[in-house]
């Protein structure tokens, strides 16, 4: 599941600027910390 999310993010980040990528990275970190609990 986590790999699938990472793959989707990589695909999306191709058409994103640095700022959007940074926000996305933070969101991923938050969701990962919630799911691992």
PDB file of N, CA and C in Angstrom:
ATOM      1  N   UNK A   1       0.837  -1.204   0.000  1.00  0.00           N
ATOM      2  CA  UNK A   1       0.000   0.000   0.000  1.00  0.00           C
ATOM      3  C   UNK A   1       0.870   1.252   0.000  1.00  0.00           C
ATOM      4  N   UNK A   2       1.863   1.262   0.858  1.00  0.00           N
ATOM      5  CA  UNK A   2       2.741   2.427   0.958  1.00  0.00           C
ATOM      6  C   UNK A   2       3.526   2.654  -0.334  1.00  0.00           C
ATOM      7  N   UNK A   3       3.902   1.544  -0.966  1.00  0.00           N
ATOM      8  CA  UNK A   3       4.633   1.646  -2.230  1.00  0.00           C
ATOM      9  C   UNK A   3       3.745   2.212  -3.324  1.00  0.00           C
ATOM     10  N   UNK A   4       2.474   1.842  -3.294  1.00  0.00           N
ATOM     11  CA  UNK A   4       1.513   2.346  -4.269  1.00  0.00           C
ATOM     12  C   UNK A   4       1.356   3.855  -4.126  1.00  0.00           C
ATOM     13  N   UNK A   5       1.265   4.303  -2.882  1.00  0.00           N
ATOM     14  CA  UNK A   5       1.142   5.735  -2.608  1.00  0.00           C
ATOM     15  C   UNK A   5       2.382   6.469  -3.103  1.00  0.00           C
ATOM     16  N   UNK A   6       3.547   5.892  -2.820  1.00  0.00           N
ATOM     17  CA  UNK A   6       4.814   6.491  -3.236  1.00  0.00           C
ATOM     18  C   UNK A   6       4.895   6.608  -4.755  1.00  0.00           C
ATOM     19  N   UNK A   7       4.398   5.575  -5.440  1.00  0.00           N
ATOM     20  CA  UNK A   7       4.404   5.559  -6.900  1.00  0.00           C
ATOM     21  C   UNK A   7       3.498   6.648  -7.460  1.00  0.00           C
ATOM     22  N   UNK A   8       2.306   6.781  -6.862  1.00  0.00           N
ATOM     23  CA  UNK A   8       1.363   7.809  -7.293  1.00  0.00           C
ATOM     24  C   UNK A   8       1.946   9.200  -7.080  1.00  0.00           C
ATOM     25  N   UNK A   9       2.605   9.385  -5.952  1.00  0.00           N
ATOM     26  CA  UNK A   9       3.208  10.674  -5.625  1.00  0.00           C
ATOM     27  C   UNK A   9       4.312  11.015  -6.618  1.00  0.00           C
ATOM     28  N   UNK A  10       5.125  10.019  -6.960  1.00  0.00           N
ATOM     29  CA  UNK A  10       6.199  10.234  -7.921  1.00  0.00           C
ATOM     30  C   UNK A  10       5.647  10.651  -9.269  1.00  0.00           C
ATOM     31  N   UNK A  11       4.538  10.031  -9.660  1.00  0.00           N
ATOM     32  CA  UNK A  11       3.903  10.364 -10.933  1.00  0.00           C
ATOM     33  C   UNK A  11       3.364  11.786 -10.905  1.00  0.00           C
ATOM     34  N   UNK A  12       2.738  12.149  -9.783  1.00  0.00           N
ATOM     35  CA  UNK A  12       2.161  13.478  -9.663  1.00  0.00           C
ATOM     36  C   UNK A  12       3.240  14.555  -9.539  1.00  0.00           C
ATOM     37  N   UNK A  13       4.293  14.261  -8.801  1.00  0.00           N
ATOM     38  CA  UNK A  13       5.346  15.243  -8.544  1.00  0.00           C
ATOM     39  C   UNK A  13       6.068  15.664  -9.823  1.00  0.00           C
ATOM     40  N   UNK A  14       5.946  14.849 -10.866  1.00  0.00           N
ATOM     41  CA  UNK A  14       6.569  15.187 -12.148  1.00  0.00           C
ATOM     42  C   UNK A  14       5.996  16.486 -12.704  1.00  0.00           C
ATOM     43  N   UNK A  15       4.711  16.715 -12.447  1.00  0.00           N
ATOM     44  CA  UNK A  15       4.048  17.910 -12.967  1.00  0.00           C
ATOM     45  C   UNK A  15       3.811  18.949 -11.870  1.00  0.00           C
ATOM     46  N   UNK A  16       4.603  18.856 -10.806  1.00  0.00           N
ATOM     47  CA  UNK A  16       4.454  19.788  -9.692  1.00  0.00           C
ATOM     48  C   UNK A  16       5.703  20.646  -9.523  1.00  0.00           C
ATOM     49  N   UNK A  17       5.512  21.782  -8.876  1.00  0.00           N
ATOM     50  CA  UNK A  17       6.659  22.619  -8.552  1.00  0.00           C
ATOM     51  C   UNK A  17       7.185  22.221  -7.173  1.00  0.00           C
ATOM     52  N   UNK A  18       8.276  22.823  -6.761  1.00  0.00           N
ATOM     53  CA  UNK A  18       8.938  22.438  -5.511  1.00  0.00           C
ATOM     54  C   UNK A  18       8.049  22.633  -4.287  1.00  0.00           C
ATOM     55  N   UNK A  19       7.304  23.735  -4.257  1.00  0.00           N
ATOM     56  CA  UNK A  19       6.470  24.053  -3.093  1.00  0.00           C
ATOM     57  C   UNK A  19       5.372  23.019  -2.891  1.00  0.00           C
ATOM     58  N   UNK A  20       4.690  22.671  -3.984  1.00  0.00           N
ATOM     59  CA  UNK A  20       3.619  21.676  -3.909  1.00  0.00           C
ATOM     60  C   UNK A  20       4.168  20.330  -3.468  1.00  0.00           C
ATOM     61  N   UNK A  21       5.367  20.025  -3.939  1.00  0.00           N
ATOM     62  CA  UNK A  21       6.009  18.762  -3.581  1.00  0.00           C
ATOM     63  C   UNK A  21       6.330  18.727  -2.091  1.00  0.00           C
ATOM     64  N   UNK A  22       6.727  19.877  -1.558  1.00  0.00           N
ATOM     65  CA  UNK A  22       7.080  19.969  -0.147  1.00  0.00           C
ATOM     66  C   UNK A  22       5.848  19.747   0.733  1.00  0.00           C
ATOM     67  N   UNK A  23       4.733  20.371   0.349  1.00  0.00           N
ATOM     68  CA  UNK A  23       3.478  20.212   1.089  1.00  0.00           C
ATOM     69  C   UNK A  23       3.025  18.761   1.033  1.00  0.00           C
ATOM     70  N   UNK A  24       3.140  18.155  -0.144  1.00  0.00           N
ATOM     71  CA  UNK A  24       2.754  16.761  -0.331  1.00  0.00           C
ATOM     72  C   UNK A  24       3.599  15.850   0.545  1.00  0.00           C
ATOM     73  N   UNK A  25       4.883  16.158   0.633  1.00  0.00           N
ATOM     74  CA  UNK A  25       5.801  15.361   1.443  1.00  0.00           C
ATOM     75  C   UNK A  25       5.400  15.381   2.918  1.00  0.00           C
ATOM     76  N   UNK A  26       4.987  16.557   3.390  1.00  0.00           N
ATOM     77  CA  UNK A  26       4.555  16.702   4.782  1.00  0.00           C
ATOM     78  C   UNK A  26       3.282  15.892   5.027  1.00  0.00           C
ATOM     79  N   UNK A  27       2.355  15.962   4.073  1.00  0.00           N
ATOM     80  CA  UNK A  27       1.101  15.211   4.185  1.00  0.00           C
ATOM     81  C   UNK A  27       1.361  13.714   4.226  1.00  0.00           C
ATOM     82  N   UNK A  28       2.304  13.264   3.417  1.00  0.00           N
ATOM     83  CA  UNK A  28       2.663  11.842   3.383  1.00  0.00           C
ATOM     84  C   UNK A  28       3.230  11.420   4.730  1.00  0.00           C
ATOM     85  N   UNK A  29       4.104  12.251   5.291  1.00  0.00           N
ATOM     86  CA  UNK A  29       4.722  11.940   6.576  1.00  0.00           C
ATOM     87  C   UNK A  29       3.666  11.807   7.672  1.00  0.00           C
ATOM     88  N   UNK A  30       2.669  12.683   7.633  1.00  0.00           N
ATOM     89  CA  UNK A  30       1.593  12.654   8.627  1.00  0.00           C
ATOM     90  C   UNK A  30       0.762  11.388   8.471  1.00  0.00           C
ATOM     91  N   UNK A  31       0.382  11.071   7.236  1.00  0.00           N
ATOM     92  CA  UNK A  31      -0.446   9.886   6.991  1.00  0.00           C
ATOM     93  C   UNK A  31       0.317   8.611   7.328  1.00  0.00           C
ATOM     94  N   UNK A  32       1.605   8.585   7.041  1.00  0.00           N
ATOM     95  CA  UNK A  32       2.422   7.408   7.344  1.00  0.00           C
ATOM     96  C   UNK A  32       2.494   7.182   8.853  1.00  0.00           C
ATOM     97  N   UNK A  33       2.668   8.244   9.604  1.00  0.00           N
ATOM     98  CA  UNK A  33       2.758   8.131  11.060  1.00  0.00           C
ATOM     99  C   UNK A  33       1.438   7.650  11.659  1.00  0.00           C
ATOM    100  N   UNK A  34       0.337   7.970  10.986  1.00  0.00           N
ATOM    101  CA  UNK A  34      -0.973   7.535  11.468  1.00  0.00           C
ATOM    102  C   UNK A  34      -1.224   6.070  11.145  1.00  0.00           C
ATOM    103  N   UNK A  35      -0.832   5.658   9.942  1.00  0.00           N
ATOM    104  CA  UNK A  35      -1.104   4.290   9.498  1.00  0.00           C
ATOM    105  C   UNK A  35      -0.193   3.275  10.188  1.00  0.00           C
ATOM    106  N   UNK A  36       1.019   3.684  10.556  1.00  0.00           N
ATOM    107  CA  UNK A  36       1.963   2.760  11.184  1.00  0.00           C
ATOM    108  C   UNK A  36       1.592   2.488  12.640  1.00  0.00           C
ATOM    109  N   UNK A  37       0.782   3.364  13.232  1.00  0.00           N
ATOM    110  CA  UNK A  37       0.408   3.224  14.623  1.00  0.00           C
ATOM    111  C   UNK A  37      -0.501   2.026  14.848  1.00  0.00           C
TER     112      UNK A  37
END
